[in-house]
Amino acid sequence: MGDLAIEANQEREFEKIEAAYGEPAHAYHTMAHIIACLHTFVAARHLATAPERIELAIWFHDIVYDTRRGDNEDRSA
């Protein structure tokens, strides 16, 4: 049962990420953009000393997006 709980939690967290990048303000930073970045990273992953950190940075690099603020990338980090 523990594995099912972990999978369910991961699915909920992914749904949150997907919803954030689906917000209207995310005109450029959409899930399509994230997927394109991940595909590009796959080719260079073997060169990275901390590939998990880079992948996390791709997923979250602009997850917080408020058009009225100028600190979205800082808040995303």
Foldseek 3Di string as FASTA:
>chain_A
DVVVVVVVVVVVVVVLLQVLLVDPQNPPSHVVQLVVVVVVVVVVLVVDPCSVVVNLCSSQQQSQDDPVDDCRRVVSD
